PDB file of N, CA and C in Angstrom:
ATOM      1  N   UNK A   1      48.332 -26.192  29.545  1.00  0.00           N
ATOM      2  CA  UNK A   1      48.274 -24.970  28.762  1.00  0.00           C
ATOM      3  C   UNK A   1      46.865 -24.730  28.243  1.00  0.00           C
ATOM      4  N   UNK A   2      46.202 -25.798  27.835  1.00  0.00           N
ATOM      5  CA  UNK A   2      44.839 -25.635  27.301  1.00  0.00           C
ATOM      6  C   UNK A   2      43.889 -25.097  28.365  1.00  0.00           C
ATOM      7  N   UNK A   3      44.029 -25.590  29.588  1.00  0.00           N
ATOM      8  CA  UNK A   3      43.186 -25.098  30.682  1.00  0.00           C
ATOM      9  C   UNK A   3      43.481 -23.629  30.957  1.00  0.00           C
ATOM     10  N   UNK A   4      44.746 -23.257  30.927  1.00  0.00           N
ATOM     11  CA  UNK A   4      45.108 -21.856  31.158  1.00  0.00           C
ATOM     12  C   UNK A   4      44.532 -20.952  30.071  1.00  0.00           C
ATOM     13  N   UNK A   5      44.555 -21.410  28.837  1.00  0.00           N
ATOM     14  CA  UNK A   5      43.967 -20.626  27.747  1.00  0.00           C
ATOM     15  C   UNK A   5      42.478 -20.412  27.997  1.00  0.00           C
ATOM     16  N   UNK A   6      41.789 -21.461  28.418  1.00  0.00           N
ATOM     17  CA  UNK A   6      40.355 -21.346  28.696  1.00  0.00           C
ATOM     18  C   UNK A   6      40.093 -20.378  29.852  1.00  0.00           C
ATOM     19  N   UNK A   7      40.857 -20.517  30.926  1.00  0.00           N
ATOM     20  CA  UNK A   7      40.652 -19.635  32.085  1.00  0.00           C
ATOM     21  C   UNK A   7      40.985 -18.177  31.759  1.00  0.00           C
ATOM     22  N   UNK A   8      42.066 -17.963  31.021  1.00  0.00           N
ATOM     23  CA  UNK A   8      42.421 -16.591  30.631  1.00  0.00           C
ATOM     24  C   UNK A   8      41.394 -16.003  29.668  1.00  0.00           C
ATOM     25  N   UNK A   9      40.787 -16.840  28.863  1.00  0.00           N
ATOM     26  CA  UNK A   9      39.745 -16.351  27.956  1.00  0.00           C
ATOM     27  C   UNK A   9      38.530 -15.874  28.739  1.00  0.00           C
ATOM     28  N   UNK A  10      38.151 -16.628  29.756  1.00  0.00           N
ATOM     29  CA  UNK A  10      37.024 -16.212  30.606  1.00  0.00           C
ATOM     30  C   UNK A  10      37.366 -14.889  31.300  1.00  0.00           C
ATOM     31  N   UNK A  11      38.586 -14.789  31.809  1.00  0.00           N
ATOM     32  CA  UNK A  11      39.002 -13.535  32.447  1.00  0.00           C
ATOM     33  C   UNK A  11      39.027 -12.384  31.441  1.00  0.00           C
ATOM     34  N   UNK A  12      39.443 -12.657  30.221  1.00  0.00           N
ATOM     35  CA  UNK A  12      39.472 -11.642  29.171  1.00  0.00           C
ATOM     36  C   UNK A  12      38.072 -11.093  28.904  1.00  0.00           C
ATOM     37  N   UNK A  13      37.093 -11.981  28.853  1.00  0.00           N
ATOM     38  CA  UNK A  13      35.719 -11.546  28.602  1.00  0.00           C
ATOM     39  C   UNK A  13      35.234 -10.649  29.740  1.00  0.00           C
ATOM     40  N   UNK A  14      35.515 -11.042  30.971  1.00  0.00           N
ATOM     41  CA  UNK A  14      35.097 -10.236  32.127  1.00  0.00           C
ATOM     42  C   UNK A  14      35.754  -8.861  32.082  1.00  0.00           C
ATOM     43  N   UNK A  15      37.044  -8.825  31.825  1.00  0.00           N
ATOM     44  CA  UNK A  15      37.766  -7.549  31.798  1.00  0.00           C
ATOM     45  C   UNK A  15      37.325  -6.687  30.617  1.00  0.00           C
ATOM     46  N   UNK A  16      37.005  -7.315  29.496  1.00  0.00           N
ATOM     47  CA  UNK A  16      36.606  -6.532  28.330  1.00  0.00           C
ATOM     48  C   UNK A  16      35.246  -5.860  28.504  1.00  0.00           C
ATOM     49  N   UNK A  17      34.460  -6.307  29.461  1.00  0.00           N
ATOM     50  CA  UNK A  17      33.152  -5.702  29.728  1.00  0.00           C
ATOM     51  C   UNK A  17      33.277  -4.513  30.689  1.00  0.00           C
ATOM     52  N   UNK A  18      34.394  -4.411  31.382  1.00  0.00           N
ATOM     53  CA  UNK A  18      34.556  -3.356  32.382  1.00  0.00           C
ATOM     54  C   UNK A  18      34.417  -1.932  31.836  1.00  0.00           C
ATOM     55  N   UNK A  19      34.886  -1.605  30.633  1.00  0.00           N
ATOM     56  CA  UNK A  19      34.648  -0.232  30.151  1.00  0.00           C
ATOM     57  C   UNK A  19      33.162   0.128  30.091  1.00  0.00           C
ATOM     58  N   UNK A  20      32.317  -0.841  29.790  1.00  0.00           N
ATOM     59  CA  UNK A  20      30.878  -0.571  29.794  1.00  0.00           C
ATOM     60  C   UNK A  20      30.366  -0.420  31.223  1.00  0.00           C
ATOM     61  N   UNK A  21      30.826  -1.283  32.113  1.00  0.00           N
ATOM     62  CA  UNK A  21      30.379  -1.241  33.515  1.00  0.00           C
ATOM     63  C   UNK A  21      30.715   0.101  34.147  1.00  0.00           C
ATOM     64  N   UNK A  22      31.897   0.629  33.846  1.00  0.00           N
ATOM     65  CA  UNK A  22      32.321   1.901  34.411  1.00  0.00           C
ATOM     66  C   UNK A  22      31.918   3.101  33.557  1.00  0.00           C
ATOM     67  N   UNK A  23      31.000   2.862  32.614  1.00  0.00           N
ATOM     68  CA  UNK A  23      30.423   3.912  31.774  1.00  0.00           C
ATOM     69  C   UNK A  23      31.480   4.671  30.957  1.00  0.00           C
ATOM     70  N   UNK A  24      32.498   3.949  30.530  1.00  0.00           N
ATOM     71  CA  UNK A  24      33.514   4.530  29.662  1.00  0.00           C
ATOM     72  C   UNK A  24      33.212   4.230  28.196  1.00  0.00           C
ATOM     73  N   UNK A  25      32.227   3.376  27.957  1.00  0.00           N
ATOM     74  CA  UNK A  25      31.816   3.024  26.601  1.00  0.00           C
ATOM     75  C   UNK A  25      30.323   2.730  26.615  1.00  0.00           C
ATOM     76  N   UNK A  26      29.771   2.566  25.417  1.00  0.00           N
ATOM     77  CA  UNK A  26      28.335   2.389  25.300  1.00  0.00           C
ATOM     78  C   UNK A  26      27.921   0.971  24.924  1.00  0.00           C
ATOM     79  N   UNK A  27      26.644   0.816  24.596  1.00  0.00           N
ATOM     80  CA  UNK A  27      26.105  -0.509  24.272  1.00  0.00           C
ATOM     81  C   UNK A  27      26.698  -1.124  23.005  1.00  0.00           C
ATOM     82  N   UNK A  28      27.143  -0.294  22.061  1.00  0.00           N
ATOM     83  CA  UNK A  28      27.778  -0.835  20.862  1.00  0.00           C
ATOM     84  C   UNK A  28      29.046  -1.596  21.233  1.00  0.00           C
ATOM     85  N   UNK A  29      29.840  -0.995  22.113  1.00  0.00           N
ATOM     86  CA  UNK A  29      31.059  -1.673  22.565  1.00  0.00           C
ATOM     87  C   UNK A  29      30.719  -2.946  23.325  1.00  0.00           C
ATOM     88  N   UNK A  30      29.726  -2.885  24.200  1.00  0.00           N
ATOM     89  CA  UNK A  30      29.347  -4.065  24.979  1.00  0.00           C
ATOM     90  C   UNK A  30      28.971  -5.218  24.064  1.00  0.00           C
ATOM     91  N   UNK A  31      28.143  -4.943  23.075  1.00  0.00           N
ATOM     92  CA  UNK A  31      27.736  -5.996  22.139  1.00  0.00           C
ATOM     93  C   UNK A  31      28.946  -6.550  21.390  1.00  0.00           C
ATOM     94  N   UNK A  32      29.806  -5.664  20.920  1.00  0.00           N
ATOM     95  CA  UNK A  32      31.001  -6.109  20.205  1.00  0.00           C
ATOM     96  C   UNK A  32      31.934  -6.922  21.079  1.00  0.00           C
ATOM     97  N   UNK A  33      32.139  -6.467  22.313  1.00  0.00           N
ATOM     98  CA  UNK A  33      33.034  -7.181  23.222  1.00  0.00           C
ATOM     99  C   UNK A  33      32.485  -8.569  23.555  1.00  0.00           C
ATOM    100  N   UNK A  34      31.184  -8.658  23.751  1.00  0.00           N
ATOM    101  CA  UNK A  34      30.594  -9.965  24.077  1.00  0.00           C
ATOM    102  C   UNK A  34      30.626 -10.910  22.875  1.00  0.00           C
ATOM    103  N   UNK A  35      30.356 -10.386  21.689  1.00  0.00           N
ATOM    104  CA  UNK A  35      30.416 -11.236  20.495  1.00  0.00           C
ATOM    105  C   UNK A  35      31.843 -11.704  20.211  1.00  0.00           C
ATOM    106  N   UNK A  36      32.782 -10.783  20.275  1.00  0.00           N
ATOM    107  CA  UNK A  36      34.170 -11.162  20.039  1.00  0.00           C
ATOM    108  C   UNK A  36      34.690 -12.103  21.125  1.00  0.00           C
ATOM    109  N   UNK A  37      34.307 -11.843  22.371  1.00  0.00           N
ATOM    110  CA  UNK A  37      34.700 -12.729  23.461  1.00  0.00           C
ATOM    111  C   UNK A  37      34.080 -14.104  23.318  1.00  0.00           C
ATOM    112  N   UNK A  38      32.838 -14.143  22.836  1.00  0.00           N
ATOM    113  CA  UNK A  38      32.194 -15.435  22.590  1.00  0.00           C
ATOM    114  C   UNK A  38      32.926 -16.239  21.534  1.00  0.00           C
ATOM    115  N   UNK A  39      33.416 -15.565  20.499  1.00  0.00           N
ATOM    116  CA  UNK A  39      34.206 -16.243  19.482  1.00  0.00           C
ATOM    117  C   UNK A  39      35.499 -16.796  20.050  1.00  0.00           C
ATOM    118  N   UNK A  40      36.128 -16.013  20.916  1.00  0.00           N
ATOM    119  CA  UNK A  40      37.368 -16.467  21.545  1.00  0.00           C
ATOM    120  C   UNK A  40      37.090 -17.668  22.451  1.00  0.00           C
ATOM    121  N   UNK A  41      35.994 -17.595  23.191  1.00  0.00           N
ATOM    122  CA  UNK A  41      35.618 -18.705  24.073  1.00  0.00           C
ATOM    123  C   UNK A  41      35.325 -19.964  23.271  1.00  0.00           C
ATOM    124  N   UNK A  42      34.714 -19.804  22.126  1.00  0.00           N
ATOM    125  CA  UNK A  42      34.439 -20.948  21.247  1.00  0.00           C
ATOM    126  C   UNK A  42      35.740 -21.660  20.875  1.00  0.00           C
ATOM    127  N   UNK A  43      36.729 -20.897  20.443  1.00  0.00           N
ATOM    128  CA  UNK A  43      38.013 -21.498  20.087  1.00  0.00           C
ATOM    129  C   UNK A  43      38.713 -22.111  21.303  1.00  0.00           C
ATOM    130  N   UNK A  44      38.612 -21.465  22.452  1.00  0.00           N
ATOM    131  CA  UNK A  44      39.252 -21.998  23.660  1.00  0.00           C
ATOM    132  C   UNK A  44      38.623 -23.325  24.073  1.00  0.00           C
ATOM    133  N   UNK A  45      37.301 -23.434  23.953  1.00  0.00           N
ATOM    134  CA  UNK A  45      36.621 -24.689  24.289  1.00  0.00           C
ATOM    135  C   UNK A  45      36.982 -25.771  23.284  1.00  0.00           C
ATOM    136  N   UNK A  46      37.019 -25.421  21.992  1.00  0.00           N
ATOM    137  CA  UNK A  46      37.453 -26.392  20.979  1.00  0.00           C
ATOM    138  C   UNK A  46      38.861 -26.896  21.272  1.00  0.00           C
ATOM    139  N   UNK A  47      39.723 -25.988  21.640  1.00  0.00           N
ATOM    140  CA  UNK A  47      41.098 -26.354  21.956  1.00  0.00           C
ATOM    141  C   UNK A  47      41.151 -27.265  23.171  1.00  0.00           C
ATOM    142  N   UNK A  48      40.318 -26.989  24.154  1.00  0.00           N
ATOM    143  CA  UNK A  48      40.297 -27.780  25.391  1.00  0.00           C
ATOM    144  C   UNK A  48      39.784 -29.195  25.142  1.00  0.00           C
ATOM    145  N   UNK A  49      38.776 -29.332  24.297  1.00  0.00           N
ATOM    146  CA  UNK A  49      38.132 -30.630  24.091  1.00  0.00           C
ATOM    147  C   UNK A  49      38.790 -31.494  23.026  1.00  0.00           C
ATOM    148  N   UNK A  50      39.394 -30.877  22.033  1.00  0.00           N
ATOM    149  CA  UNK A  50      39.877 -31.635  20.889  1.00  0.00           C
ATOM    150  C   UNK A  50      41.349 -31.971  20.944  1.00  0.00           C
ATOM    151  N   UNK A  51      41.734 -32.829  20.025  1.00  0.00           N
ATOM    152  CA  UNK A  51      43.136 -33.192  19.876  1.00  0.00           C
ATOM    153  C   UNK A  51      43.718 -32.677  18.566  1.00  0.00           C
ATOM    154  N   UNK A  52      42.934 -31.944  17.815  1.00  0.00           N
ATOM    155  CA  UNK A  52      43.375 -31.418  16.531  1.00  0.00           C
ATOM    156  C   UNK A  52      44.347 -30.262  16.764  1.00  0.00           C
ATOM    157  N   UNK A  53      45.579 -30.426  16.359  1.00  0.00           N
ATOM    158  CA  UNK A  53      46.596 -29.404  16.598  1.00  0.00           C
ATOM    159  C   UNK A  53      46.386 -28.155  15.753  1.00  0.00           C
ATOM    160  N   UNK A  54      45.610 -28.251  14.685  1.00  0.00           N
ATOM    161  CA  UNK A  54      45.365 -27.069  13.858  1.00  0.00           C
ATOM    162  C   UNK A  54      44.483 -26.050  14.585  1.00  0.00           C
ATOM    163  N   UNK A  55      43.722 -26.497  15.576  1.00  0.00           N
ATOM    164  CA  UNK A  55      42.878 -25.583  16.357  1.00  0.00           C
ATOM    165  C   UNK A  55      43.752 -24.578  17.120  1.00  0.00           C
ATOM    166  N   UNK A  56      44.924 -25.013  17.549  1.00  0.00           N
ATOM    167  CA  UNK A  56      45.817 -24.104  18.273  1.00  0.00           C
ATOM    168  C   UNK A  56      46.215 -22.920  17.394  1.00  0.00           C
ATOM    169  N   UNK A  57      46.547 -23.171  16.144  1.00  0.00           N
ATOM    170  CA  UNK A  57      46.909 -22.076  15.243  1.00  0.00           C
ATOM    171  C   UNK A  57      45.700 -21.214  14.900  1.00  0.00           C
ATOM    172  N   UNK A  58      44.526 -21.825  14.787  1.00  0.00           N
ATOM    173  CA  UNK A  58      43.308 -21.046  14.524  1.00  0.00           C
ATOM    174  C   UNK A  58      42.993 -20.147  15.723  1.00  0.00           C
ATOM    175  N   UNK A  59      43.208 -20.670  16.921  1.00  0.00           N
ATOM    176  CA  UNK A  59      42.985 -19.873  18.130  1.00  0.00           C
ATOM    177  C   UNK A  59      43.964 -18.707  18.172  1.00  0.00           C
ATOM    178  N   UNK A  60      45.209 -18.964  17.841  1.00  0.00           N
ATOM    179  CA  UNK A  60      46.214 -17.904  17.799  1.00  0.00           C
ATOM    180  C   UNK A  60      45.843 -16.852  16.747  1.00  0.00           C
ATOM    181  N   UNK A  61      45.425 -17.304  15.585  1.00  0.00           N
ATOM    182  CA  UNK A  61      45.002 -16.378  14.534  1.00  0.00           C
ATOM    183  C   UNK A  61      43.817 -15.538  14.967  1.00  0.00           C
ATOM    184  N   UNK A  62      42.865 -16.164  15.658  1.00  0.00           N
ATOM    185  CA  UNK A  62      41.701 -15.413  16.143  1.00  0.00           C
ATOM    186  C   UNK A  62      42.130 -14.394  17.191  1.00  0.00           C
ATOM    187  N   UNK A  63      43.119 -14.723  18.012  1.00  0.00           N
ATOM    188  CA  UNK A  63      43.554 -13.780  19.045  1.00  0.00           C
ATOM    189  C   UNK A  63      44.102 -12.493  18.416  1.00  0.00           C
ATOM    190  N   UNK A  64      44.801 -12.625  17.313  1.00  0.00           N
ATOM    191  CA  UNK A  64      45.316 -11.437  16.619  1.00  0.00           C
ATOM    192  C   UNK A  64      44.160 -10.640  16.018  1.00  0.00           C
ATOM    193  N   UNK A  65      43.227 -11.333  15.389  1.00  0.00           N
ATOM    194  CA  UNK A  65      42.059 -10.682  14.804  1.00  0.00           C
ATOM    195  C   UNK A  65      41.216 -10.028  15.902  1.00  0.00           C
ATOM    196  N   UNK A  66      41.096 -10.692  17.053  1.00  0.00           N
ATOM    197  CA  UNK A  66      40.320 -10.184  18.188  1.00  0.00           C
ATOM    198  C   UNK A  66      40.853  -8.824  18.637  1.00  0.00           C
ATOM    199  N   UNK A  67      42.166  -8.717  18.779  1.00  0.00           N
ATOM    200  CA  UNK A  67      42.749  -7.452  19.235  1.00  0.00           C
ATOM    201  C   UNK A  67      42.422  -6.302  18.287  1.00  0.00           C
ATOM    202  N   UNK A  68      42.582  -6.550  17.001  1.00  0.00           N
ATOM    203  CA  UNK A  68      42.263  -5.508  16.034  1.00  0.00           C
ATOM    204  C   UNK A  68      40.774  -5.136  16.113  1.00  0.00           C
ATOM    205  N   UNK A  69      39.921  -6.142  16.201  1.00  0.00           N
ATOM    206  CA  UNK A  69      38.475  -5.910  16.194  1.00  0.00           C
ATOM    207  C   UNK A  69      37.997  -5.214  17.468  1.00  0.00           C
ATOM    208  N   UNK A  70      38.518  -5.598  18.627  1.00  0.00           N
ATOM    209  CA  UNK A  70      38.032  -4.990  19.877  1.00  0.00           C
ATOM    210  C   UNK A  70      38.426  -3.512  19.937  1.00  0.00           C
ATOM    211  N   UNK A  71      39.620  -3.182  19.452  1.00  0.00           N
ATOM    212  CA  UNK A  71      40.019  -1.771  19.428  1.00  0.00           C
ATOM    213  C   UNK A  71      39.219  -0.990  18.387  1.00  0.00           C
ATOM    214  N   UNK A  72      38.876  -1.618  17.291  1.00  0.00           N
ATOM    215  CA  UNK A  72      38.041  -0.968  16.280  1.00  0.00           C
ATOM    216  C   UNK A  72      36.648  -0.695  16.831  1.00  0.00           C
ATOM    217  N   UNK A  73      36.083  -1.669  17.521  1.00  0.00           N
ATOM    218  CA  UNK A  73      34.751  -1.498  18.133  1.00  0.00           C
ATOM    219  C   UNK A  73      34.797  -0.382  19.171  1.00  0.00           C
ATOM    220  N   UNK A  74      35.856  -0.337  19.961  1.00  0.00           N
ATOM    221  CA  UNK A  74      35.986   0.716  20.970  1.00  0.00           C
ATOM    222  C   UNK A  74      36.086   2.094  20.312  1.00  0.00           C
ATOM    223  N   UNK A  75      36.821   2.168  19.234  1.00  0.00           N
ATOM    224  CA  UNK A  75      36.965   3.437  18.511  1.00  0.00           C
ATOM    225  C   UNK A  75      35.634   3.879  17.895  1.00  0.00           C
ATOM    226  N   UNK A  76      34.936   2.951  17.274  1.00  0.00           N
ATOM    227  CA  UNK A  76      33.629   3.279  16.686  1.00  0.00           C
ATOM    228  C   UNK A  76      32.656   3.722  17.769  1.00  0.00           C
ATOM    229  N   UNK A  77      32.651   2.999  18.892  1.00  0.00           N
ATOM    230  CA  UNK A  77      31.756   3.347  19.996  1.00  0.00           C
ATOM    231  C   UNK A  77      32.044   4.756  20.515  1.00  0.00           C
ATOM    232  N   UNK A  78      33.297   5.136  20.515  1.00  0.00           N
ATOM    233  CA  UNK A  78      33.673   6.470  20.980  1.00  0.00           C
ATOM    234  C   UNK A  78      33.097   7.566  20.082  1.00  0.00           C
ATOM    235  N   UNK A  79      33.070   7.318  18.782  1.00  0.00           N
ATOM    236  CA  UNK A  79      32.625   8.354  17.836  1.00  0.00           C
ATOM    237  C   UNK A  79      31.143   8.300  17.498  1.00  0.00           C
ATOM    238  N   UNK A  80      30.419   7.279  17.931  1.00  0.00           N
ATOM    239  CA  UNK A  80      28.978   7.205  17.640  1.00  0.00           C
ATOM    240  C   UNK A  80      28.188   8.403  18.191  1.00  0.00           C
ATOM    241  N   UNK A  81      28.450   8.867  19.414  1.00  0.00           N
ATOM    242  CA  UNK A  81      27.690  10.046  19.882  1.00  0.00           C
ATOM    243  C   UNK A  81      27.909  11.276  19.022  1.00  0.00           C
ATOM    244  N   UNK A  82      29.081  11.425  18.452  1.00  0.00           N
ATOM    245  CA  UNK A  82      29.349  12.587  17.591  1.00  0.00           C
ATOM    246  C   UNK A  82      28.551  12.511  16.283  1.00  0.00           C
ATOM    247  N   UNK A  83      28.188  11.297  15.898  1.00  0.00           N
ATOM    248  CA  UNK A  83      27.398  11.113  14.678  1.00  0.00           C
ATOM    249  C   UNK A  83      25.898  11.177  14.956  1.00  0.00           C
ATOM    250  N   UNK A  84      25.537  11.384  16.218  1.00  0.00           N
ATOM    251  CA  UNK A  84      24.132  11.493  16.574  1.00  0.00           C
ATOM    252  C   UNK A  84      23.474  10.182  16.926  1.00  0.00           C
ATOM    253  N   UNK A  85      24.251   9.172  17.213  1.00  0.00           N
ATOM    254  CA  UNK A  85      23.682   7.872  17.581  1.00  0.00           C
ATOM    255  C   UNK A  85      23.516   7.822  19.051  1.00  0.00           C
TER     256      UNK A  85
END
């Protein structure tokens, strides 16, 4: 399961960059997606290497926070051109 979490996290990062690649979002989203994905990857690597069971719950908690944050970044990125950015 730990290996699957790590592999799915890598796939998540790749997929989360696709809106920028296909010009559906801007550099603000790209930066946010990479930073948030890096945080997720950090937890996935900790989970893979360690035996501390509390890391699993922290990873789960981060996954919930990640979803809220990535959609917020996408929403902000959408409205930045209207604000003149």
